[in-house]
PDB file of N, CA and C in Angstrom:
ATOM      1  N   MET A   1      60.433 137.090 134.877  1.00  0.00           N
ATOM      2  CA  MET A   1      61.197 136.756 133.557  1.00  0.00           C
ATOM      3  C   MET A   1      62.417 136.492 134.290  1.00  0.00           C
ATOM      4  N   ILE A   2      62.891 136.795 135.483  1.00  0.00           N
ATOM      5  CA  ILE A   2      64.391 136.233 136.062  1.00  0.00           C
ATOM      6  C   ILE A   2      64.150 134.848 136.357  1.00  0.00           C
ATOM      7  N   PRO A   3      62.950 134.462 137.091  1.00  0.00           N
ATOM      8  CA  PRO A   3      62.998 132.981 137.504  1.00  0.00           C
ATOM      9  C   PRO A   3      63.180 132.038 136.231  1.00  0.00           C
ATOM     10  N   LEU A   4      62.475 132.572 135.092  1.00  0.00           N
ATOM     11  CA  LEU A   4      62.794 131.656 133.923  1.00  0.00           C
ATOM     12  C   LEU A   4      64.265 131.447 133.438  1.00  0.00           C
ATOM     13  N   LEU A   5      64.979 132.816 133.650  1.00  0.00           N
ATOM     14  CA  LEU A   5      66.316 132.837 133.257  1.00  0.00           C
ATOM     15  C   LEU A   5      67.298 131.956 134.060  1.00  0.00           C
ATOM     16  N   ILE A   6      66.809 132.011 135.495  1.00  0.00           N
ATOM     17  CA  ILE A   6      67.623 131.195 136.416  1.00  0.00           C
ATOM     18  C   ILE A   6      67.350 129.705 136.103  1.00  0.00           C
ATOM     19  N   LEU A   7      66.029 129.193 135.997  1.00  0.00           N
ATOM     20  CA  LEU A   7      65.450 127.852 135.793  1.00  0.00           C
ATOM     21  C   LEU A   7      66.399 127.492 134.659  1.00  0.00           C
ATOM     22  N   GLY A   8      66.435 128.031 133.521  1.00  0.00           N
ATOM     23  CA  GLY A   8      66.998 127.634 132.185  1.00  0.00           C
ATOM     24  C   GLY A   8      68.118 127.482 132.163  1.00  0.00           C
ATOM     25  N   LEU A   9      68.959 128.651 132.695  1.00  0.00           N
ATOM     26  CA  LEU A   9      70.579 128.319 133.153  1.00  0.00           C
ATOM     27  C   LEU A   9      70.910 127.042 133.789  1.00  0.00           C
ATOM     28  N   LEU A  10      70.059 126.646 134.713  1.00  0.00           N
ATOM     29  CA  LEU A  10      70.389 125.711 135.817  1.00  0.00           C
ATOM     30  C   LEU A  10      70.114 124.382 134.916  1.00  0.00           C
ATOM     31  N   LYS A  11      69.075 124.263 133.902  1.00  0.00           N
ATOM     32  CA  LYS A  11      69.100 123.224 133.122  1.00  0.00           C
ATOM     33  C   LYS A  11      69.953 122.970 132.322  1.00  0.00           C
ATOM     34  N   GLN A  12      70.620 124.134 131.895  1.00  0.00           N
ATOM     35  CA  GLN A  12      72.134 123.954 130.974  1.00  0.00           C
ATOM     36  C   GLN A  12      73.438 123.634 131.894  1.00  0.00           C
ATOM     37  N   ASN A  13      73.219 124.306 132.839  1.00  0.00           N
ATOM     38  CA  ASN A  13      74.516 124.241 133.807  1.00  0.00           C
ATOM     39  C   ASN A  13      74.143 124.000 135.227  1.00  0.00           C
ATOM     40  N   PRO A  14      73.753 122.529 135.418  1.00  0.00           N
ATOM     41  CA  PRO A  14      73.329 122.070 136.822  1.00  0.00           C
ATOM     42  C   PRO A  14      74.625 121.946 137.486  1.00  0.00           C
ATOM     43  N   GLY A  15      74.400 122.382 138.948  1.00  0.00           N
ATOM     44  CA  GLY A  15      75.646 122.473 139.859  1.00  0.00           C
ATOM     45  C   GLY A  15      76.080 123.734 139.956  1.00  0.00           C
ATOM     46  N   SER A  16      75.730 124.790 139.234  1.00  0.00           N
ATOM     47  CA  SER A  16      76.520 126.023 139.074  1.00  0.00           C
ATOM     48  C   SER A  16      76.170 126.936 140.146  1.00  0.00           C
ATOM     49  N   HIS A  17      76.718 127.809 140.976  1.00  0.00           N
ATOM     50  CA  HIS A  17      76.619 128.464 141.921  1.00  0.00           C
ATOM     51  C   HIS A  17      76.116 129.935 141.441  1.00  0.00           C
ATOM     52  N   GLY A  18      75.228 130.679 142.465  1.00  0.00           N
ATOM     53  CA  GLY A  18      74.937 132.125 142.128  1.00  0.00           C
ATOM     54  C   GLY A  18      75.689 132.892 141.283  1.00  0.00           C
ATOM     55  N   TYR A  19      77.064 132.902 141.557  1.00  0.00           N
ATOM     56  CA  TYR A  19      77.794 133.697 141.008  1.00  0.00           C
ATOM     57  C   TYR A  19      77.924 133.528 139.636  1.00  0.00           C
ATOM     58  N   GLU A  20      78.133 132.209 139.452  1.00  0.00           N
ATOM     59  CA  GLU A  20      78.216 131.890 137.735  1.00  0.00           C
ATOM     60  C   GLU A  20      77.051 131.944 137.041  1.00  0.00           C
ATOM     61  N   LEU A  21      75.864 131.813 137.544  1.00  0.00           N
ATOM     62  CA  LEU A  21      74.716 132.158 136.850  1.00  0.00           C
ATOM     63  C   LEU A  21      74.228 133.652 136.499  1.00  0.00           C
ATOM     64  N   LEU A  22      74.834 134.291 137.484  1.00  0.00           N
ATOM     65  CA  LEU A  22      74.632 135.913 137.125  1.00  0.00           C
ATOM     66  C   LEU A  22      75.865 136.341 136.224  1.00  0.00           C
ATOM     67  N   SER A  23      77.065 135.684 136.517  1.00  0.00           N
ATOM     68  CA  SER A  23      78.121 135.975 135.371  1.00  0.00           C
ATOM     69  C   SER A  23      77.468 135.493 133.864  1.00  0.00           C
ATOM     70  N   LEU A  24      76.811 134.276 133.697  1.00  0.00           N
ATOM     71  CA  LEU A  24      76.311 133.973 132.545  1.00  0.00           C
ATOM     72  C   LEU A  24      75.413 135.191 131.711  1.00  0.00           C
ATOM     73  N   MET A  25      74.214 135.484 132.981  1.00  0.00           N
ATOM     74  CA  MET A  25      73.475 136.225 132.544  1.00  0.00           C
ATOM     75  C   MET A  25      74.106 137.768 131.974  1.00  0.00           C
ATOM     76  N   GLU A  26      75.053 138.094 132.536  1.00  0.00           N
ATOM     77  CA  GLU A  26      75.861 139.357 132.183  1.00  0.00           C
ATOM     78  C   GLU A  26      76.653 138.922 130.618  1.00  0.00           C
ATOM     79  N   GLU A  27      77.381 137.842 130.532  1.00  0.00           N
ATOM     80  CA  GLU A  27      77.983 137.530 129.581  1.00  0.00           C
ATOM     81  C   GLU A  27      76.859 137.487 128.274  1.00  0.00           C
ATOM     82  N   ARG A  28      75.519 136.926 128.760  1.00  0.00           N
ATOM     83  CA  ARG A  28      74.799 136.819 127.374  1.00  0.00           C
ATOM     84  C   ARG A  28      74.018 137.766 127.121  1.00  0.00           C
ATOM     85  N   HIS A  29      74.489 138.968 127.806  1.00  0.00           N
ATOM     86  CA  HIS A  29      73.662 140.344 127.692  1.00  0.00           C
ATOM     87  C   HIS A  29      72.387 140.288 128.043  1.00  0.00           C
ATOM     88  N   TYR A  30      71.638 139.618 129.007  1.00  0.00           N
ATOM     89  CA  TYR A  30      70.091 139.245 128.949  1.00  0.00           C
ATOM     90  C   TYR A  30      69.738 140.540 129.589  1.00  0.00           C
ATOM     91  N   LYS A  31      70.707 141.475 130.124  1.00  0.00           N
ATOM     92  CA  LYS A  31      69.991 142.709 130.686  1.00  0.00           C
ATOM     93  C   LYS A  31      69.520 143.560 129.334  1.00  0.00           C
ATOM     94  N   TYR A  32      69.538 143.339 128.274  1.00  0.00           N
ATOM     95  CA  TYR A  32      68.941 143.983 127.119  1.00  0.00           C
ATOM     96  C   TYR A  32      67.662 143.620 127.079  1.00  0.00           C
ATOM     97  N   ILE A  33      67.396 142.424 127.503  1.00  0.00           N
ATOM     98  CA  ILE A  33      66.032 141.424 127.061  1.00  0.00           C
ATOM     99  C   ILE A  33      65.132 141.835 128.635  1.00  0.00           C
ATOM    100  N   VAL A  34      65.817 142.020 129.778  1.00  0.00           N
ATOM    101  CA  VAL A  34      65.049 141.939 131.274  1.00  0.00           C
ATOM    102  C   VAL A  34      65.981 142.703 132.120  1.00  0.00           C
ATOM    103  N   ASN A  35      65.256 143.498 132.656  1.00  0.00           N
ATOM    104  CA  ASN A  35      65.916 144.473 133.684  1.00  0.00           C
ATOM    105  C   ASN A  35      66.235 143.535 134.900  1.00  0.00           C
ATOM    106  N   PHE A  36      67.576 143.680 135.148  1.00  0.00           N
ATOM    107  CA  PHE A  36      67.959 142.688 136.599  1.00  0.00           C
ATOM    108  C   PHE A  36      69.198 143.594 137.186  1.00  0.00           C
ATOM    109  N   THR A  37      69.217 143.345 138.601  1.00  0.00           N
ATOM    110  CA  THR A  37      70.413 144.093 139.284  1.00  0.00           C
ATOM    111  C   THR A  37      70.730 142.600 139.961  1.00  0.00           C
ATOM    112  N   LYS A  38      72.121 142.683 140.531  1.00  0.00           N
ATOM    113  CA  LYS A  38      72.390 141.809 141.327  1.00  0.00           C
ATOM    114  C   LYS A  38      71.607 141.473 142.465  1.00  0.00           C
ATOM    115  N   GLY A  39      70.960 142.392 142.983  1.00  0.00           N
ATOM    116  CA  GLY A  39      70.172 142.260 144.069  1.00  0.00           C
ATOM    117  C   GLY A  39      68.822 141.578 143.777  1.00  0.00           C
ATOM    118  N   SER A  40      68.351 141.848 142.766  1.00  0.00           N
ATOM    119  CA  SER A  40      67.338 141.162 142.134  1.00  0.00           C
ATOM    120  C   SER A  40      67.120 139.732 141.680  1.00  0.00           C
ATOM    121  N   PHE A  41      68.780 139.502 141.338  1.00  0.00           N
ATOM    122  CA  PHE A  41      68.988 137.978 140.790  1.00  0.00           C
ATOM    123  C   PHE A  41      68.855 137.045 142.200  1.00  0.00           C
ATOM    124  N   TYR A  42      69.693 137.760 143.109  1.00  0.00           N
ATOM    125  CA  TYR A  42      69.751 136.837 144.304  1.00  0.00           C
ATOM    126  C   TYR A  42      68.319 136.691 144.890  1.00  0.00           C
ATOM    127  N   TYR A  43      67.517 137.869 144.996  1.00  0.00           N
ATOM    128  CA  TYR A  43      66.013 137.709 145.630  1.00  0.00           C
ATOM    129  C   TYR A  43      65.514 136.642 144.864  1.00  0.00           C
ATOM    130  N   ASN A  44      65.550 136.478 143.495  1.00  0.00           N
ATOM    131  CA  ASN A  44      64.830 135.589 142.716  1.00  0.00           C
ATOM    132  C   ASN A  44      65.433 134.083 142.773  1.00  0.00           C
ATOM    133  N   LEU A  45      66.641 134.032 143.212  1.00  0.00           N
ATOM    134  CA  LEU A  45      67.597 132.756 143.472  1.00  0.00           C
ATOM    135  C   LEU A  45      66.816 132.270 144.911  1.00  0.00           C
ATOM    136  N   GLN A  46      66.869 133.047 145.804  1.00  0.00           N
ATOM    137  CA  GLN A  46      66.534 132.726 146.871  1.00  0.00           C
ATOM    138  C   GLN A  46      64.991 132.176 147.212  1.00  0.00           C
ATOM    139  N   GLN A  47      64.108 133.256 146.436  1.00  0.00           N
ATOM    140  CA  GLN A  47      62.634 132.749 146.268  1.00  0.00           C
ATOM    141  C   GLN A  47      62.401 131.299 145.433  1.00  0.00           C
ATOM    142  N   LEU A  48      63.152 130.817 144.358  1.00  0.00           N
ATOM    143  CA  LEU A  48      62.979 129.676 143.652  1.00  0.00           C
ATOM    144  C   LEU A  48      63.440 128.386 144.704  1.00  0.00           C
ATOM    145  N   GLU A  49      64.347 128.651 145.895  1.00  0.00           N
ATOM    146  CA  GLU A  49      65.144 127.622 146.505  1.00  0.00           C
ATOM    147  C   GLU A  49      63.817 127.693 148.202  1.00  0.00           C
ATOM    148  N   GLU A  50      63.322 128.804 148.136  1.00  0.00           N
ATOM    149  CA  GLU A  50      62.226 128.671 149.047  1.00  0.00           C
ATOM    150  C   GLU A  50      61.070 127.872 148.700  1.00  0.00           C
ATOM    151  N   LYS A  51      60.754 128.096 147.358  1.00  0.00           N
ATOM    152  CA  LYS A  51      59.487 127.252 146.676  1.00  0.00           C
ATOM    153  C   LYS A  51      59.831 125.675 146.275  1.00  0.00           C
ATOM    154  N   LYS A  52      61.202 125.485 146.476  1.00  0.00           N
ATOM    155  CA  LYS A  52      61.750 124.006 146.120  1.00  0.00           C
ATOM    156  C   LYS A  52      61.939 123.800 144.890  1.00  0.00           C
ATOM    157  N   TYR A  53      61.946 124.831 143.857  1.00  0.00           N
ATOM    158  CA  TYR A  53      62.306 124.879 142.338  1.00  0.00           C
ATOM    159  C   TYR A  53      63.673 124.565 142.203  1.00  0.00           C
ATOM    160  N   ILE A  54      64.199 124.800 143.162  1.00  0.00           N
ATOM    161  CA  ILE A  54      66.093 124.740 142.978  1.00  0.00           C
ATOM    162  C   ILE A  54      66.253 123.819 144.466  1.00  0.00           C
ATOM    163  N   GLU A  55      67.405 123.236 144.414  1.00  0.00           N
ATOM    164  CA  GLU A  55      67.855 123.010 145.748  1.00  0.00           C
ATOM    165  C   GLU A  55      69.531 123.023 145.684  1.00  0.00           C
ATOM    166  N   LYS A  56      70.226 123.266 146.823  1.00  0.00           N
ATOM    167  CA  LYS A  56      71.575 123.289 146.901  1.00  0.00           C
ATOM    168  C   LYS A  56      72.320 121.809 146.876  1.00  0.00           C
ATOM    169  N   VAL A  57      73.387 121.814 146.480  1.00  0.00           N
ATOM    170  CA  VAL A  57      74.086 120.613 146.378  1.00  0.00           C
ATOM    171  C   VAL A  57      75.325 120.808 147.036  1.00  0.00           C
ATOM    172  N   ASN A  58      76.150 120.066 147.535  1.00  0.00           N
ATOM    173  CA  ASN A  58      77.502 120.110 148.007  1.00  0.00           C
ATOM    174  C   ASN A  58      78.132 119.902 146.669  1.00  0.00           C
ATOM    175  N   GLN A  59      79.350 120.573 147.047  1.00  0.00           N
ATOM    176  CA  GLN A  59      80.566 120.555 145.861  1.00  0.00           C
ATOM    177  C   GLN A  59      81.674 120.217 146.704  1.00  0.00           C
ATOM    178  N   SER A  60      82.422 119.237 146.874  1.00  0.00           N
ATOM    179  CA  SER A  60      83.561 118.775 147.729  1.00  0.00           C
ATOM    180  C   SER A  60      84.924 118.971 147.043  1.00  0.00           C
ATOM    181  N   GLU A  61      84.869 119.737 146.000  1.00  0.00           N
ATOM    182  CA  GLU A  61      86.315 119.655 144.932  1.00  0.00           C
ATOM    183  C   GLU A  61      86.958 121.052 145.560  1.00  0.00           C
ATOM    184  N   SER A  62      86.102 121.999 146.254  1.00  0.00           N
ATOM    185  CA  SER A  62      86.694 123.353 146.443  1.00  0.00           C
ATOM    186  C   SER A  62      86.811 123.403 148.198  1.00  0.00           C
ATOM    187  N   THR A  63      87.702 123.820 148.577  1.00  0.00           N
ATOM    188  CA  THR A  63      87.686 124.052 150.282  1.00  0.00           C
ATOM    189  C   THR A  63      86.734 125.466 150.618  1.00  0.00           C
ATOM    190  N   ARG A  64      86.478 126.210 149.391  1.00  0.00           N
ATOM    191  CA  ARG A  64      85.922 127.362 149.723  1.00  0.00           C
ATOM    192  C   ARG A  64      84.227 126.910 149.646  1.00  0.00           C
ATOM    193  N   GLU A  65      83.349 127.494 150.670  1.00  0.00           N
ATOM    194  CA  GLU A  65      82.253 126.879 150.627  1.00  0.00           C
ATOM    195  C   GLU A  65      81.403 127.948 149.745  1.00  0.00           C
ATOM    196  N   THR A  66      80.883 127.139 148.835  1.00  0.00           N
ATOM    197  CA  THR A  66      79.748 127.778 147.960  1.00  0.00           C
ATOM    198  C   THR A  66      78.427 127.284 147.779  1.00  0.00           C
ATOM    199  N   ASN A  67      77.451 127.851 147.559  1.00  0.00           N
ATOM    200  CA  ASN A  67      76.384 127.220 146.994  1.00  0.00           C
ATOM    201  C   ASN A  67      75.865 126.947 145.644  1.00  0.00           C
ATOM    202  N   ASN A  68      76.040 125.621 145.317  1.00  0.00           N
ATOM    203  CA  ASN A  68      75.763 125.267 143.951  1.00  0.00           C
ATOM    204  C   ASN A  68      74.423 124.709 144.328  1.00  0.00           C
ATOM    205  N   TYR A  69      73.733 124.854 142.999  1.00  0.00           N
ATOM    206  CA  TYR A  69      72.189 124.782 142.982  1.00  0.00           C
ATOM    207  C   TYR A  69      71.791 123.705 141.748  1.00  0.00           C
ATOM    208  N   ILE A  70      71.067 122.881 141.886  1.00  0.00           N
ATOM    209  CA  ILE A  70      70.093 122.308 140.642  1.00  0.00           C
ATOM    210  C   ILE A  70      68.925 122.455 141.013  1.00  0.00           C
ATOM    211  N   ILE A  71      68.290 122.014 139.508  1.00  0.00           N
ATOM    212  CA  ILE A  71      66.774 122.150 139.323  1.00  0.00           C
ATOM    213  C   ILE A  71      66.389 121.100 139.705  1.00  0.00           C
ATOM    214  N   THR A  72      65.163 121.204 140.733  1.00  0.00           N
ATOM    215  CA  THR A  72      64.268 120.089 141.183  1.00  0.00           C
ATOM    216  C   THR A  72      63.394 119.741 140.019  1.00  0.00           C
ATOM    217  N   GLU A  73      62.545 118.441 140.220  1.00  0.00           N
ATOM    218  CA  GLU A  73      61.261 117.967 139.380  1.00  0.00           C
ATOM    219  C   GLU A  73      60.317 118.935 139.282  1.00  0.00           C
ATOM    220  N   SER A  74      59.684 119.884 140.550  1.00  0.00           N
ATOM    221  CA  SER A  74      58.916 120.754 140.483  1.00  0.00           C
ATOM    222  C   SER A  74      59.393 122.103 139.972  1.00  0.00           C
ATOM    223  N   GLY A  75      60.959 122.231 139.720  1.00  0.00           N
ATOM    224  CA  GLY A  75      61.281 123.244 138.983  1.00  0.00           C
ATOM    225  C   GLY A  75      61.419 123.242 137.789  1.00  0.00           C
ATOM    226  N   ASN A  76      61.594 121.884 137.086  1.00  0.00           N
ATOM    227  CA  ASN A  76      61.261 121.532 135.936  1.00  0.00           C
ATOM    228  C   ASN A  76      59.927 121.940 135.397  1.00  0.00           C
ATOM    229  N   ARG A  77      59.010 121.440 136.184  1.00  0.00           N
ATOM    230  CA  ARG A  77      57.540 122.091 136.227  1.00  0.00           C
ATOM    231  C   ARG A  77      57.321 123.478 135.883  1.00  0.00           C
ATOM    232  N   GLU A  78      57.910 123.960 136.843  1.00  0.00           N
ATOM    233  CA  GLU A  78      57.802 125.748 136.932  1.00  0.00           C
ATOM    234  C   GLU A  78      58.326 126.261 135.684  1.00  0.00           C
ATOM    235  N   PHE A  79      59.414 125.270 135.098  1.00  0.00           N
ATOM    236  CA  PHE A  79      60.190 126.023 134.043  1.00  0.00           C
ATOM    237  C   PHE A  79      59.231 126.100 132.843  1.00  0.00           C
ATOM    238  N   GLU A  80      58.580 124.576 132.607  1.00  0.00           N
ATOM    239  CA  GLU A  80      57.747 124.621 131.637  1.00  0.00           C
ATOM    240  C   GLU A  80      56.598 125.154 131.492  1.00  0.00           C
ATOM    241  N   LYS A  81      56.151 125.655 132.612  1.00  0.00           N
ATOM    242  CA  LYS A  81      54.935 126.677 133.057  1.00  0.00           C
ATOM    243  C   LYS A  81      55.287 128.169 132.485  1.00  0.00           C
ATOM    244  N   LEU A  82      56.154 128.526 132.654  1.00  0.00           N
ATOM    245  CA  LEU A  82      56.777 129.732 132.455  1.00  0.00           C
ATOM    246  C   LEU A  82      57.246 129.689 131.040  1.00  0.00           C
ATOM    247  N   MET A  83      57.734 128.570 130.212  1.00  0.00           N
ATOM    248  CA  MET A  83      58.020 128.749 128.816  1.00  0.00           C
ATOM    249  C   MET A  83      56.681 128.798 128.182  1.00  0.00           C
ATOM    250  N   PHE A  84      55.880 128.109 128.767  1.00  0.00           N
ATOM    251  CA  PHE A  84      54.467 128.177 127.998  1.00  0.00           C
ATOM    252  C   PHE A  84      53.817 129.612 127.939  1.00  0.00           C
ATOM    253  N   LYS A  85      54.045 129.966 129.299  1.00  0.00           N
ATOM    254  CA  LYS A  85      53.549 131.477 129.429  1.00  0.00           C
ATOM    255  C   LYS A  85      54.323 132.508 128.430  1.00  0.00           C
ATOM    256  N   TYR A  86      55.456 132.584 128.617  1.00  0.00           N
ATOM    257  CA  TYR A  86      56.226 133.584 127.702  1.00  0.00           C
ATOM    258  C   TYR A  86      56.522 133.373 126.252  1.00  0.00           C
ATOM    259  N   GLY A  87      56.362 131.802 125.882  1.00  0.00           N
ATOM    260  CA  GLY A  87      56.851 131.433 124.561  1.00  0.00           C
ATOM    261  C   GLY A  87      55.543 131.043 123.782  1.00  0.00           C
ATOM    262  N   SER A  88      54.347 131.403 124.293  1.00  0.00           N
ATOM    263  CA  SER A  88      53.054 130.738 123.591  1.00  0.00           C
ATOM    264  C   SER A  88      53.185 132.071 122.216  1.00  0.00           C
ATOM    265  N   LYS A  89      52.249 131.352 121.290  1.00  0.00           N
ATOM    266  CA  LYS A  89      52.145 132.169 120.152  1.00  0.00           C
ATOM    267  C   LYS A  89      50.992 133.312 120.430  1.00  0.00           C
ATOM    268  N   THR A  90      51.313 134.791 120.202  1.00  0.00           N
ATOM    269  CA  THR A  90      50.328 135.844 120.484  1.00  0.00           C
ATOM    270  C   THR A  90      49.936 136.368 119.260  1.00  0.00           C
ATOM    271  N   ASP A  91      49.291 137.434 119.321  1.00  0.00           N
ATOM    272  CA  ASP A  91      49.178 138.302 118.033  1.00  0.00           C
ATOM    273  C   ASP A  91      50.343 139.253 117.692  1.00  0.00           C
ATOM    274  N   TYR A  92      51.015 139.296 118.861  1.00  0.00           N
ATOM    275  CA  TYR A  92      52.100 140.272 118.419  1.00  0.00           C
ATOM    276  C   TYR A  92      53.436 139.402 119.194  1.00  0.00           C
ATOM    277  N   ILE A  93      54.691 139.938 118.683  1.00  0.00           N
ATOM    278  CA  ILE A  93      55.780 139.139 119.108  1.00  0.00           C
ATOM    279  C   ILE A  93      56.455 140.561 120.279  1.00  0.00           C
ATOM    280  N   ASN A  94      56.941 140.013 121.377  1.00  0.00           N
ATOM    281  CA  ASN A  94      57.297 140.772 122.580  1.00  0.00           C
ATOM    282  C   ASN A  94      58.622 140.376 122.732  1.00  0.00           C
ATOM    283  N   LEU A  95      59.252 141.196 124.012  1.00  0.00           N
ATOM    284  CA  LEU A  95      60.678 140.661 124.307  1.00  0.00           C
ATOM    285  C   LEU A  95      60.410 139.201 125.048  1.00  0.00           C
ATOM    286  N   SER A  96      59.240 138.888 125.761  1.00  0.00           N
ATOM    287  CA  SER A  96      59.080 138.134 126.437  1.00  0.00           C
ATOM    288  C   SER A  96      59.279 136.719 125.620  1.00  0.00           C
ATOM    289  N   PHE A  97      58.616 136.888 124.164  1.00  0.00           N
ATOM    290  CA  PHE A  97      58.533 135.650 123.639  1.00  0.00           C
ATOM    291  C   PHE A  97      60.023 135.290 122.975  1.00  0.00           C
ATOM    292  N   TYR A  98      61.093 136.390 123.304  1.00  0.00           N
ATOM    293  CA  TYR A  98      62.540 135.964 122.806  1.00  0.00           C
ATOM    294  C   TYR A  98      63.277 135.468 124.317  1.00  0.00           C
ATOM    295  N   ILE A  99      62.825 135.778 125.325  1.00  0.00           N
ATOM    296  CA  ILE A  99      63.529 135.613 126.352  1.00  0.00           C
ATOM    297  C   ILE A  99      63.201 134.039 126.529  1.00  0.00           C
ATOM    298  N   ALA A 100      62.004 133.569 126.153  1.00  0.00           N
ATOM    299  CA  ALA A 100      61.669 132.243 126.352  1.00  0.00           C
ATOM    300  C   ALA A 100      62.388 131.424 125.236  1.00  0.00           C
ATOM    301  N   MET A 101      62.575 131.961 124.237  1.00  0.00           N
ATOM    302  CA  MET A 101      63.251 131.051 123.226  1.00  0.00           C
ATOM    303  C   MET A 101      64.847 130.959 123.334  1.00  0.00           C
ATOM    304  N   LEU A 102      65.112 131.780 124.330  1.00  0.00           N
ATOM    305  CA  LEU A 102      66.899 131.516 124.631  1.00  0.00           C
ATOM    306  C   LEU A 102      66.715 130.065 125.402  1.00  0.00           C
ATOM    307  N   PHE A 103      65.814 129.387 125.764  1.00  0.00           N
ATOM    308  CA  PHE A 103      65.807 128.149 126.130  1.00  0.00           C
ATOM    309  C   PHE A 103      64.917 127.015 125.265  1.00  0.00           C
ATOM    310  N   GLY A 104      64.432 127.394 124.206  1.00  0.00           N
ATOM    311  CA  GLY A 104      63.834 126.653 123.355  1.00  0.00           C
ATOM    312  C   GLY A 104      64.326 125.460 123.300  1.00  0.00           C
ATOM    313  N   ASN A 105      65.449 124.727 123.389  1.00  0.00           N
ATOM    314  CA  ASN A 105      65.768 123.573 123.422  1.00  0.00           C
ATOM    315  C   ASN A 105      65.652 122.973 124.229  1.00  0.00           C
ATOM    316  N   GLU A 106      65.336 123.384 125.391  1.00  0.00           N
ATOM    317  CA  GLU A 106      64.957 122.723 126.546  1.00  0.00           C
ATOM    318  C   GLU A 106      63.503 122.419 126.777  1.00  0.00           C
ATOM    319  N   TYR A 107      62.801 123.006 126.009  1.00  0.00           N
ATOM    320  CA  TYR A 107      61.436 122.520 126.044  1.00  0.00           C
ATOM    321  C   TYR A 107      60.688 122.056 125.071  1.00  0.00           C
ATOM    322  N   ASN A 108      59.809 121.045 125.110  1.00  0.00           N
ATOM    323  CA  ASN A 108      59.182 120.263 124.164  1.00  0.00           C
ATOM    324  C   ASN A 108      58.257 121.270 122.919  1.00  0.00           C
ATOM    325  N   GLU A 109      58.890 121.384 121.778  1.00  0.00           N
ATOM    326  CA  GLU A 109      58.437 122.657 120.951  1.00  0.00           C
ATOM    327  C   GLU A 109      56.936 122.315 120.529  1.00  0.00           C
ATOM    328  N   ASN A 110      56.496 121.042 120.664  1.00  0.00           N
ATOM    329  CA  ASN A 110      55.055 120.696 120.309  1.00  0.00           C
ATOM    330  C   ASN A 110      53.824 121.457 121.140  1.00  0.00           C
ATOM    331  N   GLU A 111      54.687 121.539 122.676  1.00  0.00           N
ATOM    332  CA  GLU A 111      53.753 122.130 123.573  1.00  0.00           C
ATOM    333  C   GLU A 111      53.421 123.816 123.081  1.00  0.00           C
ATOM    334  N   LEU A 112      54.392 124.187 122.534  1.00  0.00           N
ATOM    335  CA  LEU A 112      54.171 125.555 122.426  1.00  0.00           C
ATOM    336  C   LEU A 112      53.282 125.804 121.286  1.00  0.00           C
ATOM    337  N   LYS A 113      53.454 125.017 120.197  1.00  0.00           N
ATOM    338  CA  LYS A 113      52.526 124.882 119.045  1.00  0.00           C
ATOM    339  C   LYS A 113      51.212 124.764 119.040  1.00  0.00           C
ATOM    340  N   LYS A 114      50.656 124.212 120.073  1.00  0.00           N
ATOM    341  CA  LYS A 114      49.552 123.771 120.668  1.00  0.00           C
ATOM    342  C   LYS A 114      48.652 125.380 121.130  1.00  0.00           C
ATOM    343  N   SER A 115      49.492 126.315 121.611  1.00  0.00           N
ATOM    344  CA  SER A 115      48.750 127.483 121.842  1.00  0.00           C
ATOM    345  C   SER A 115      48.528 128.342 120.714  1.00  0.00           C
TER     346      SER A 115
END
């Protein structure tokens, strides 16, 4: 679930750094949907980078060095895969469905209707 949240937030906020993404998750009260800690967030961020779903970009406007990220093309495909996994129609509705719907506007809704 956490990778879906990170990828979705990066689609909405390209060039954000980890702390910004974590702050957005806290501001939007995602903790009521999925259990995450600061450690699990940064672990998932690192895993997404290692899998080349996100990449660091340089932000030269500040003197302080930060790791800003953008979603890659393979990250977009992974986002769509996760959206399909968690946003598909099932016999019952659970929290996974609601998490996927947080980024419903970032995904082709016709793909969700097919399942």
